Each structure stands twice: as C-alpha cells, then as structure tokens.
Amino acid sequence: MNCPKCKSVQIIKYGHTHYGKPRFRCQDCGRQFVLNATRQPIDEPTRQLIDKLLLERLALAAIARVTGVSERWLQMYVFQKFYQTPKAIDVTPKKQVG
C-alpha cells in the first residue's frame, strides 16, 4: 500500500472512520486516508450550483438539501470562499463637476 500524496510505503493503521472503515496514516507526510473510499469529493458542477444558490441568499440548510451535500461541508466551503475574497475595495474618486 502506498500513500496517495507522496507514494511512500511507510503506512500505519490510524483508527477507523465514523463509518467503520479502517483509516491509515503516512509516517512521511502525515496524510490520512481510507482505502476504497465511498465518499467522493464534491464535483465542479455542484460547486458552481452552490455558488449560484449562495448568491441568491438561500439558507445553507436549503442549499444542502437541494445539492445533496452535508451542512458541515457546506459551512466549511462558505468559510473558504469568504477567506478567499479580497477585503479591500478599490474605489475610484468621482470627477468634480464645476
């Protein structure tokens, strides 16, 4: 068995997931992983739909129901989007009339 990140063979058992599957940890890079994971990452079309629904200011619970993602994942996604947005706004002054 190899680490999916660094391809190292220094792998140890690292407990179980809450679904009961064994979890492994790479001793070289620290990456934790599960073999044959059934939970897949959220695909790009679903992320684009979530972005559109967020712009419509729907409740997070409603977005989670419509898209089939967990509310916990959605909250982390919103935090990630928030921290990626620039905090300073570049405003150009108005031309003076007169």
PDB file of N, CA and C in Angstrom:
ATOM      1  N   MET A   1       0.848  -1.167   0.000  1.00  0.00           N
ATOM      2  CA  MET A   1       0.000   0.000   0.000  1.00  0.00           C
ATOM      3  C   MET A   1       0.896   1.233   0.000  1.00  0.00           C
ATOM      4  N   ASN A   2       0.531   2.236  -0.816  1.00  0.00           N
ATOM      5  CA  ASN A   2       1.301   3.474  -0.933  1.00  0.00           C
ATOM      6  C   ASN A   2       0.445   4.668  -0.526  1.00  0.00           C
ATOM      7  N   CYS A   3       1.117   5.696  -0.052  1.00  0.00           N
ATOM      8  CA  CYS A   3       0.439   6.951   0.302  1.00  0.00           C
ATOM      9  C   CYS A   3      -0.054   7.625  -0.980  1.00  0.00           C
ATOM     10  N   PRO A   4      -1.305   8.105  -1.014  1.00  0.00           N
ATOM     11  CA  PRO A   4      -1.790   8.758  -2.223  1.00  0.00           C
ATOM     12  C   PRO A   4      -1.112  10.096  -2.503  1.00  0.00           C
ATOM     13  N   LYS A   5      -0.493  10.698  -1.492  1.00  0.00           N
ATOM     14  CA  LYS A   5       0.128  12.011  -1.669  1.00  0.00           C
ATOM     15  C   LYS A   5       1.594  11.907  -2.073  1.00  0.00           C
ATOM     16  N   CYS A   6       2.388  11.173  -1.259  1.00  0.00           N
ATOM     17  CA  CYS A   6       3.838  11.133  -1.506  1.00  0.00           C
ATOM     18  C   CYS A   6       4.326   9.780  -2.010  1.00  0.00           C
ATOM     19  N   LYS A   7       3.450   8.811  -2.136  1.00  0.00           N
ATOM     20  CA  LYS A   7       3.767   7.468  -2.644  1.00  0.00           C
ATOM     21  C   LYS A   7       4.695   6.677  -1.722  1.00  0.00           C
ATOM     22  N   SER A   8       4.803   7.079  -0.470  1.00  0.00           N
ATOM     23  CA  SER A   8       5.642   6.372   0.489  1.00  0.00           C
ATOM     24  C   SER A   8       4.981   5.047   0.886  1.00  0.00           C
ATOM     25  N   VAL A   9       5.790   4.108   1.350  1.00  0.00           N
ATOM     26  CA  VAL A   9       5.263   2.831   1.841  1.00  0.00           C
ATOM     27  C   VAL A   9       5.248   2.788   3.368  1.00  0.00           C
ATOM     28  N   GLN A  10       5.632   3.860   4.019  1.00  0.00           N
ATOM     29  CA  GLN A  10       5.644   3.946   5.481  1.00  0.00           C
ATOM     30  C   GLN A  10       4.237   4.286   5.979  1.00  0.00           C
ATOM     31  N   ILE A  11       3.341   3.285   5.959  1.00  0.00           N
ATOM     32  CA  ILE A  11       1.935   3.473   6.292  1.00  0.00           C
ATOM     33  C   ILE A  11       1.635   2.725   7.584  1.00  0.00           C
ATOM     34  N   ILE A  12       0.853   3.357   8.472  1.00  0.00           N
ATOM     35  CA  ILE A  12       0.410   2.684   9.692  1.00  0.00           C
ATOM     36  C   ILE A  12      -1.106   2.779   9.794  1.00  0.00           C
ATOM     37  N   LYS A  13      -1.715   1.828  10.513  1.00  0.00           N
ATOM     38  CA  LYS A  13      -3.142   1.910  10.797  1.00  0.00           C
ATOM     39  C   LYS A  13      -3.355   3.070  11.759  1.00  0.00           C
ATOM     40  N   TYR A  14      -4.433   3.822  11.561  1.00  0.00           N
ATOM     41  CA  TYR A  14      -4.660   5.034  12.336  1.00  0.00           C
ATOM     42  C   TYR A  14      -6.119   5.121  12.781  1.00  0.00           C
ATOM     43  N   GLY A  15      -6.663   4.005  13.243  1.00  0.00           N
ATOM     44  CA  GLY A  15      -8.033   4.003  13.740  1.00  0.00           C
ATOM     45  C   GLY A  15      -9.045   3.696  12.659  1.00  0.00           C
ATOM     46  N   HIS A  16     -10.295   4.134  12.910  1.00  0.00           N
ATOM     47  CA  HIS A  16     -11.397   3.895  11.978  1.00  0.00           C
ATOM     48  C   HIS A  16     -12.174   5.187  11.751  1.00  0.00           C
ATOM     49  N   THR A  17     -12.826   5.275  10.589  1.00  0.00           N
ATOM     50  CA  THR A  17     -13.707   6.405  10.333  1.00  0.00           C
ATOM     51  C   THR A  17     -15.005   6.181  11.092  1.00  0.00           C
ATOM     52  N   HIS A  18     -15.859   7.194  11.131  1.00  0.00           N
ATOM     53  CA  HIS A  18     -17.143   7.005  11.805  1.00  0.00           C
ATOM     54  C   HIS A  18     -18.071   6.094  11.012  1.00  0.00           C
ATOM     55  N   TYR A  19     -17.666   5.734   9.791  1.00  0.00           N
ATOM     56  CA  TYR A  19     -18.409   4.745   9.015  1.00  0.00           C
ATOM     57  C   TYR A  19     -17.896   3.327   9.275  1.00  0.00           C
ATOM     58  N   GLY A  20     -16.823   3.199  10.069  1.00  0.00           N
ATOM     59  CA  GLY A  20     -16.290   1.889  10.412  1.00  0.00           C
ATOM     60  C   GLY A  20     -15.159   1.399   9.526  1.00  0.00           C
ATOM     61  N   LYS A  21     -14.762   2.169   8.523  1.00  0.00           N
ATOM     62  CA  LYS A  21     -13.667   1.755   7.646  1.00  0.00           C
ATOM     63  C   LYS A  21     -12.331   2.060   8.304  1.00  0.00           C
ATOM     64  N   PRO A  22     -11.326   1.205   8.079  1.00  0.00           N
ATOM     65  CA  PRO A  22     -10.009   1.477   8.669  1.00  0.00           C
ATOM     66  C   PRO A  22      -9.354   2.701   8.032  1.00  0.00           C
ATOM     67  N   ARG A  23      -8.740   3.520   8.874  1.00  0.00           N
ATOM     68  CA  ARG A  23      -8.044   4.719   8.428  1.00  0.00           C
ATOM     69  C   ARG A  23      -6.549   4.457   8.528  1.00  0.00           C
ATOM     70  N   PHE A  24      -5.800   5.000   7.586  1.00  0.00           N
ATOM     71  CA  PHE A  24      -4.348   4.836   7.556  1.00  0.00           C
ATOM     72  C   PHE A  24      -3.689   6.210   7.571  1.00  0.00           C
ATOM     73  N   ARG A  25      -2.417   6.223   8.017  1.00  0.00           N
ATOM     74  CA  ARG A  25      -1.662   7.471   8.076  1.00  0.00           C
ATOM     75  C   ARG A  25      -0.259   7.233   7.547  1.00  0.00           C
ATOM     76  N   CYS A  26       0.200   8.149   6.698  1.00  0.00           N
ATOM     77  CA  CYS A  26       1.559   8.083   6.170  1.00  0.00           C
ATOM     78  C   CYS A  26       2.506   8.670   7.218  1.00  0.00           C
ATOM     79  N   GLN A  27       3.578   7.939   7.533  1.00  0.00           N
ATOM     80  CA  GLN A  27       4.536   8.418   8.520  1.00  0.00           C
ATOM     81  C   GLN A  27       5.496   9.452   7.938  1.00  0.00           C
ATOM     82  N   ASP A  28       5.572   9.541   6.617  1.00  0.00           N
ATOM     83  CA  ASP A  28       6.473  10.516   5.999  1.00  0.00           C
ATOM     84  C   ASP A  28       5.824  11.896   5.872  1.00  0.00           C
ATOM     85  N   CYS A  29       4.608  11.957   5.316  1.00  0.00           N
ATOM     86  CA  CYS A  29       3.983  13.268   5.073  1.00  0.00           C
ATOM     87  C   CYS A  29       2.810  13.563   6.017  1.00  0.00           C
ATOM     88  N   GLY A  30       2.340  12.562   6.760  1.00  0.00           N
ATOM     89  CA  GLY A  30       1.243  12.796   7.702  1.00  0.00           C
ATOM     90  C   GLY A  30      -0.142  12.704   7.102  1.00  0.00           C
ATOM     91  N   ARG A  31      -0.246  12.394   5.822  1.00  0.00           N
ATOM     92  CA  ARG A  31      -1.542  12.312   5.151  1.00  0.00           C
ATOM     93  C   ARG A  31      -2.350  11.150   5.702  1.00  0.00           C
ATOM     94  N   GLN A  32      -3.632  11.412   6.018  1.00  0.00           N
ATOM     95  CA  GLN A  32      -4.541  10.355   6.455  1.00  0.00           C
ATOM     96  C   GLN A  32      -5.433   9.987   5.276  1.00  0.00           C
ATOM     97  N   PHE A  33      -5.742   8.700   5.148  1.00  0.00           N
ATOM     98  CA  PHE A  33      -6.572   8.277   4.024  1.00  0.00           C
ATOM     99  C   PHE A  33      -7.266   6.967   4.347  1.00  0.00           C
ATOM    100  N   VAL A  34      -8.264   6.649   3.527  1.00  0.00           N
ATOM    101  CA  VAL A  34      -9.039   5.420   3.635  1.00  0.00           C
ATOM    102  C   VAL A  34      -8.938   4.715   2.291  1.00  0.00           C
ATOM    103  N   LEU A  35      -8.711   3.419   2.307  1.00  0.00           N
ATOM    104  CA  LEU A  35      -8.682   2.655   1.062  1.00  0.00           C
ATOM    105  C   LEU A  35     -10.094   2.484   0.530  1.00  0.00           C
ATOM    106  N   ASN A  36     -10.252   2.571  -0.767  1.00  0.00           N
ATOM    107  CA  ASN A  36     -11.547   2.383  -1.429  1.00  0.00           C
ATOM    108  C   ASN A  36     -12.636   3.245  -0.787  1.00  0.00           C
ATOM    109  N   ALA A  37     -12.386   4.527  -0.692  1.00  0.00           N
ATOM    110  CA  ALA A  37     -13.344   5.439  -0.068  1.00  0.00           C
ATOM    111  C   ALA A  37     -14.630   5.500  -0.888  1.00  0.00           C
ATOM    112  N   THR A  38     -15.763   5.460  -0.205  1.00  0.00           N
ATOM    113  CA  THR A  38     -17.056   5.544  -0.894  1.00  0.00           C
ATOM    114  C   THR A  38     -17.532   6.979  -0.999  1.00  0.00           C
ATOM    115  N   ARG A  39     -17.042   7.848  -0.126  1.00  0.00           N
ATOM    116  CA  ARG A  39     -17.409   9.260  -0.161  1.00  0.00           C
ATOM    117  C   ARG A  39     -16.474   9.967  -1.135  1.00  0.00           C
ATOM    118  N   GLN A  40     -17.014  10.565  -2.173  1.00  0.00           N
ATOM    119  CA  GLN A  40     -16.208  11.220  -3.192  1.00  0.00           C
ATOM    120  C   GLN A  40     -16.259  12.738  -3.018  1.00  0.00           C
ATOM    121  N   PRO A  41     -15.229  13.437  -3.499  1.00  0.00           N
ATOM    122  CA  PRO A  41     -15.240  14.899  -3.412  1.00  0.00           C
ATOM    123  C   PRO A  41     -16.405  15.495  -4.207  1.00  0.00           C
ATOM    124  N   ILE A  42     -16.811  16.690  -3.823  1.00  0.00           N
ATOM    125  CA  ILE A  42     -17.908  17.380  -4.497  1.00  0.00           C
ATOM    126  C   ILE A  42     -17.403  17.831  -5.866  1.00  0.00           C
ATOM    127  N   ASP A  43     -18.141  17.489  -6.932  1.00  0.00           N
ATOM    128  CA  ASP A  43     -17.703  17.798  -8.289  1.00  0.00           C
ATOM    129  C   ASP A  43     -17.909  19.281  -8.613  1.00  0.00           C
ATOM    130  N   GLU A  44     -17.252  19.734  -9.681  1.00  0.00           N
ATOM    131  CA  GLU A  44     -17.252  21.151 -10.055  1.00  0.00           C
ATOM    132  C   GLU A  44     -18.645  21.676 -10.428  1.00  0.00           C
ATOM    133  N   PRO A  45     -19.480  20.941 -11.182  1.00  0.00           N
ATOM    134  CA  PRO A  45     -20.828  21.470 -11.471  1.00  0.00           C
ATOM    135  C   PRO A  45     -21.657  21.705 -10.203  1.00  0.00           C
ATOM    136  N   THR A  46     -21.509  20.837  -9.206  1.00  0.00           N
ATOM    137  CA  THR A  46     -22.233  21.026  -7.947  1.00  0.00           C
ATOM    138  C   THR A  46     -21.705  22.252  -7.224  1.00  0.00           C
ATOM    139  N   ARG A  47     -20.410  22.479  -7.251  1.00  0.00           N
ATOM    140  CA  ARG A  47     -19.826  23.667  -6.618  1.00  0.00           C
ATOM    141  C   ARG A  47     -20.328  24.941  -7.309  1.00  0.00           C
ATOM    142  N   GLN A  48     -20.439  24.913  -8.637  1.00  0.00           N
ATOM    143  CA  GLN A  48     -20.949  26.078  -9.362  1.00  0.00           C
ATOM    144  C   GLN A  48     -22.410  26.344  -9.002  1.00  0.00           C
ATOM    145  N   LEU A  49     -23.207  25.284  -8.867  1.00  0.00           N
ATOM    146  CA  LEU A  49     -24.600  25.437  -8.452  1.00  0.00           C
ATOM    147  C   LEU A  49     -24.674  26.021  -7.045  1.00  0.00           C
ATOM    148  N   ILE A  50     -23.821  25.555  -6.152  1.00  0.00           N
ATOM    149  CA  ILE A  50     -23.792  26.084  -4.784  1.00  0.00           C
ATOM    150  C   ILE A  50     -23.445  27.565  -4.808  1.00  0.00           C
ATOM    151  N   ASP A  51     -22.480  27.961  -5.632  1.00  0.00           N
ATOM    152  CA  ASP A  51     -22.113  29.369  -5.732  1.00  0.00           C
ATOM    153  C   ASP A  51     -23.301  30.220  -6.190  1.00  0.00           C
ATOM    154  N   LYS A  52     -24.055  29.721  -7.174  1.00  0.00           N
ATOM    155  CA  LYS A  52     -25.235  30.455  -7.650  1.00  0.00           C
ATOM    156  C   LYS A  52     -26.301  30.555  -6.567  1.00  0.00           C
ATOM    157  N   LEU A  53     -26.513  29.462  -5.840  1.00  0.00           N
ATOM    158  CA  LEU A  53     -27.524  29.478  -4.780  1.00  0.00           C
ATOM    159  C   LEU A  53     -27.100  30.377  -3.621  1.00  0.00           C
ATOM    160  N   LEU A  54     -25.805  30.458  -3.356  1.00  0.00           N
ATOM    161  CA  LEU A  54     -25.328  31.375  -2.326  1.00  0.00           C
ATOM    162  C   LEU A  54     -25.576  32.826  -2.723  1.00  0.00           C
ATOM    163  N   LEU A  55     -25.402  33.128  -4.016  1.00  0.00           N
ATOM    164  CA  LEU A  55     -25.687  34.486  -4.489  1.00  0.00           C
ATOM    165  C   LEU A  55     -27.169  34.837  -4.368  1.00  0.00           C
ATOM    166  N   GLU A  56     -28.027  33.828  -4.434  1.00  0.00           N
ATOM    167  CA  GLU A  56     -29.469  34.041  -4.267  1.00  0.00           C
ATOM    168  C   GLU A  56     -29.858  34.179  -2.803  1.00  0.00           C
ATOM    169  N   ARG A  57     -28.868  34.037  -1.904  1.00  0.00           N
ATOM    170  CA  ARG A  57     -29.049  34.201  -0.466  1.00  0.00           C
ATOM    171  C   ARG A  57     -30.021  33.187   0.135  1.00  0.00           C
ATOM    172  N   LEU A  58     -29.958  31.961  -0.364  1.00  0.00           N
ATOM    173  CA  LEU A  58     -30.754  30.888   0.226  1.00  0.00           C
ATOM    174  C   LEU A  58     -30.106  30.438   1.525  1.00  0.00           C
ATOM    175  N   ALA A  59     -30.899  29.857   2.398  1.00  0.00           N
ATOM    176  CA  ALA A  59     -30.370  29.331   3.654  1.00  0.00           C
ATOM    177  C   ALA A  59     -29.438  28.158   3.362  1.00  0.00           C
ATOM    178  N   LEU A  60     -28.427  27.986   4.204  1.00  0.00           N
ATOM    179  CA  LEU A  60     -27.470  26.901   3.999  1.00  0.00           C
ATOM    180  C   LEU A  60     -28.149  25.540   4.074  1.00  0.00           C
ATOM    181  N   ALA A  61     -29.127  25.404   4.961  1.00  0.00           N
ATOM    182  CA  ALA A  61     -29.842  24.132   5.065  1.00  0.00           C
ATOM    183  C   ALA A  61     -30.577  23.817   3.761  1.00  0.00           C
ATOM    184  N   ALA A  62     -31.141  24.831   3.130  1.00  0.00           N
ATOM    185  CA  ALA A  62     -31.845  24.628   1.858  1.00  0.00           C
ATOM    186  C   ALA A  62     -30.869  24.239   0.757  1.00  0.00           C
ATOM    187  N   ILE A  63     -29.714  24.907   0.711  1.00  0.00           N
ATOM    188  CA  ILE A  63     -28.709  24.579  -0.301  1.00  0.00           C
ATOM    189  C   ILE A  63     -28.204  23.156  -0.108  1.00  0.00           C
ATOM    190  N   ALA A  64     -28.000  22.751   1.147  1.00  0.00           N
ATOM    191  CA  ALA A  64     -27.538  21.393   1.424  1.00  0.00           C
ATOM    192  C   ALA A  64     -28.572  20.368   0.973  1.00  0.00           C
ATOM    193  N   ARG A  65     -29.844  20.639   1.212  1.00  0.00           N
ATOM    194  CA  ARG A  65     -30.904  19.704   0.776  1.00  0.00           C
ATOM    195  C   ARG A  65     -30.963  19.602  -0.735  1.00  0.00           C
ATOM    196  N   VAL A  66     -30.890  20.728  -1.431  1.00  0.00           N
ATOM    197  CA  VAL A  66     -31.028  20.742  -2.892  1.00  0.00           C
ATOM    198  C   VAL A  66     -29.846  20.055  -3.571  1.00  0.00           C
ATOM    199  N   THR A  67     -28.641  20.307  -3.072  1.00  0.00           N
ATOM    200  CA  THR A  67     -27.449  19.789  -3.752  1.00  0.00           C
ATOM    201  C   THR A  67     -26.991  18.435  -3.231  1.00  0.00           C
ATOM    202  N   GLY A  68     -27.485  18.022  -2.065  1.00  0.00           N
ATOM    203  CA  GLY A  68     -27.111  16.719  -1.523  1.00  0.00           C
ATOM    204  C   GLY A  68     -25.781  16.702  -0.794  1.00  0.00           C
ATOM    205  N   VAL A  69     -25.276  17.872  -0.409  1.00  0.00           N
ATOM    206  CA  VAL A  69     -24.036  17.927   0.368  1.00  0.00           C
ATOM    207  C   VAL A  69     -24.398  18.069   1.842  1.00  0.00           C
ATOM    208  N   SER A  70     -23.445  17.780   2.718  1.00  0.00           N
ATOM    209  CA  SER A  70     -23.721  17.919   4.147  1.00  0.00           C
ATOM    210  C   SER A  70     -23.639  19.392   4.540  1.00  0.00           C
ATOM    211  N   GLU A  71     -24.382  19.753   5.579  1.00  0.00           N
ATOM    212  CA  GLU A  71     -24.349  21.135   6.055  1.00  0.00           C
ATOM    213  C   GLU A  71     -22.970  21.490   6.584  1.00  0.00           C
ATOM    214  N   ARG A  72     -22.294  20.527   7.191  1.00  0.00           N
ATOM    215  CA  ARG A  72     -20.952  20.770   7.717  1.00  0.00           C
ATOM    216  C   ARG A  72     -19.988  21.090   6.583  1.00  0.00           C
ATOM    217  N   TRP A  73     -20.021  20.299   5.495  1.00  0.00           N
ATOM    218  CA  TRP A  73     -19.157  20.557   4.354  1.00  0.00           C
ATOM    219  C   TRP A  73     -19.481  21.921   3.758  1.00  0.00           C
ATOM    220  N   LEU A  74     -20.765  22.231   3.646  1.00  0.00           N
ATOM    221  CA  LEU A  74     -21.187  23.493   3.051  1.00  0.00           C
ATOM    222  C   LEU A  74     -20.697  24.680   3.879  1.00  0.00           C
ATOM    223  N   GLN A  75     -20.759  24.578   5.203  1.00  0.00           N
ATOM    224  CA  GLN A  75     -20.278  25.661   6.056  1.00  0.00           C
ATOM    225  C   GLN A  75     -18.778  25.864   5.873  1.00  0.00           C
ATOM    226  N   MET A  76     -18.023  24.772   5.780  1.00  0.00           N
ATOM    227  CA  MET A  76     -16.579  24.903   5.548  1.00  0.00           C
ATOM    228  C   MET A  76     -16.310  25.518   4.172  1.00  0.00           C
ATOM    229  N   TYR A  77     -17.111  25.172   3.175  1.00  0.00           N
ATOM    230  CA  TYR A  77     -16.966  25.724   1.829  1.00  0.00           C
ATOM    231  C   TYR A  77     -17.227  27.228   1.837  1.00  0.00           C
ATOM    232  N   VAL A  78     -18.257  27.659   2.569  1.00  0.00           N
ATOM    233  CA  VAL A  78     -18.578  29.083   2.655  1.00  0.00           C
ATOM    234  C   VAL A  78     -17.443  29.835   3.352  1.00  0.00           C
ATOM    235  N   PHE A  79     -16.903  29.274   4.437  1.00  0.00           N
ATOM    236  CA  PHE A  79     -15.772  29.911   5.117  1.00  0.00           C
ATOM    237  C   PHE A  79     -14.579  30.036   4.176  1.00  0.00           C
ATOM    238  N   GLN A  80     -14.328  28.986   3.397  1.00  0.00           N
ATOM    239  CA  GLN A  80     -13.215  29.004   2.453  1.00  0.00           C
ATOM    240  C   GLN A  80     -13.421  30.108   1.416  1.00  0.00           C
ATOM    241  N   LYS A  81     -14.627  30.236   0.895  1.00  0.00           N
ATOM    242  CA  LYS A  81     -14.937  31.288  -0.079  1.00  0.00           C
ATOM    243  C   LYS A  81     -14.747  32.668   0.543  1.00  0.00           C
ATOM    244  N   PHE A  82     -15.192  32.822   1.804  1.00  0.00           N
ATOM    245  CA  PHE A  82     -15.083  34.103   2.493  1.00  0.00           C
ATOM    246  C   PHE A  82     -13.629  34.532   2.638  1.00  0.00           C
ATOM    247  N   TYR A  83     -12.762  33.602   3.050  1.00  0.00           N
ATOM    248  CA  TYR A  83     -11.364  33.949   3.259  1.00  0.00           C
ATOM    249  C   TYR A  83     -10.612  34.156   1.954  1.00  0.00           C
ATOM    250  N   GLN A  84     -11.156  33.682   0.827  1.00  0.00           N
ATOM    251  CA  GLN A  84     -10.508  33.878  -0.466  1.00  0.00           C
ATOM    252  C   GLN A  84     -10.873  35.215  -1.096  1.00  0.00           C
ATOM    253  N   THR A  85     -11.941  35.844  -0.636  1.00  0.00           N
ATOM    254  CA  THR A  85     -12.364  37.110  -1.232  1.00  0.00           C
ATOM    255  C   THR A  85     -11.491  38.243  -0.719  1.00  0.00           C
ATOM    256  N   PRO A  86     -11.165  39.204  -1.585  1.00  0.00           N
ATOM    257  CA  PRO A  86     -10.351  40.331  -1.127  1.00  0.00           C
ATOM    258  C   PRO A  86     -11.138  41.203  -0.159  1.00  0.00           C
ATOM    259  N   LYS A  87     -10.459  41.706   0.877  1.00  0.00           N
ATOM    260  CA  LYS A  87     -11.129  42.502   1.905  1.00  0.00           C
ATOM    261  C   LYS A  87     -11.079  44.000   1.610  1.00  0.00           C
ATOM    262  N   ALA A  88     -10.144  44.426   0.781  1.00  0.00           N
ATOM    263  CA  ALA A  88     -10.033  45.839   0.430  1.00  0.00           C
ATOM    264  C   ALA A  88     -10.730  46.083  -0.902  1.00  0.00           C
ATOM    265  N   ILE A  89     -11.475  47.168  -0.964  1.00  0.00           N
ATOM    266  CA  ILE A  89     -12.188  47.530  -2.186  1.00  0.00           C
ATOM    267  C   ILE A  89     -11.494  48.734  -2.796  1.00  0.00           C
ATOM    268  N   ASP A  90     -11.203  48.657  -4.072  1.00  0.00           N
ATOM    269  CA  ASP A  90     -10.556  49.757  -4.778  1.00  0.00           C
ATOM    270  C   ASP A  90     -11.640  50.678  -5.320  1.00  0.00           C
ATOM    271  N   VAL A  91     -11.738  51.882  -4.761  1.00  0.00           N
ATOM    272  CA  VAL A  91     -12.763  52.842  -5.159  1.00  0.00           C
ATOM    273  C   VAL A  91     -12.074  54.012  -5.855  1.00  0.00           C
ATOM    274  N   THR A  92     -12.562  54.341  -7.046  1.00  0.00           N
ATOM    275  CA  THR A  92     -12.011  55.492  -7.760  1.00  0.00           C
ATOM    276  C   THR A  92     -12.849  56.721  -7.383  1.00  0.00           C
ATOM    277  N   PRO A  93     -12.187  57.841  -7.117  1.00  0.00           N
ATOM    278  CA  PRO A  93     -12.935  59.054  -6.749  1.00  0.00           C
ATOM    279  C   PRO A  93     -13.764  59.576  -7.912  1.00  0.00           C
ATOM    280  N   LYS A  94     -14.880  60.229  -7.576  1.00  0.00           N
ATOM    281  CA  LYS A  94     -15.757  60.811  -8.570  1.00  0.00           C
ATOM    282  C   LYS A  94     -15.118  62.072  -9.154  1.00  0.00           C
ATOM    283  N   LYS A  95     -15.408  62.321 -10.420  1.00  0.00           N
ATOM    284  CA  LYS A  95     -14.918  63.546 -11.039  1.00  0.00           C
ATOM    285  C   LYS A  95     -15.700  64.731 -10.482  1.00  0.00           C
ATOM    286  N   GLN A  96     -14.984  65.800 -10.233  1.00  0.00           N
ATOM    287  CA  GLN A  96     -15.635  67.011  -9.711  1.00  0.00           C
ATOM    288  C   GLN A  96     -16.276  67.774 -10.864  1.00  0.00           C
ATOM    289  N   VAL A  97     -17.517  68.166 -10.671  1.00  0.00           N
ATOM    290  CA  VAL A  97     -18.249  68.922 -11.677  1.00  0.00           C
ATOM    291  C   VAL A  97     -18.131  70.410 -11.303  1.00  0.00           C
ATOM    292  N   GLY A  98     -17.807  71.224 -12.254  1.00  0.00           N
ATOM    293  CA  GLY A  98     -17.801  72.632 -11.903  1.00  0.00           C
ATOM    294  C   GLY A  98     -16.851  73.461 -12.570  1.00  0.00           C
TER     295      GLY A  98
END
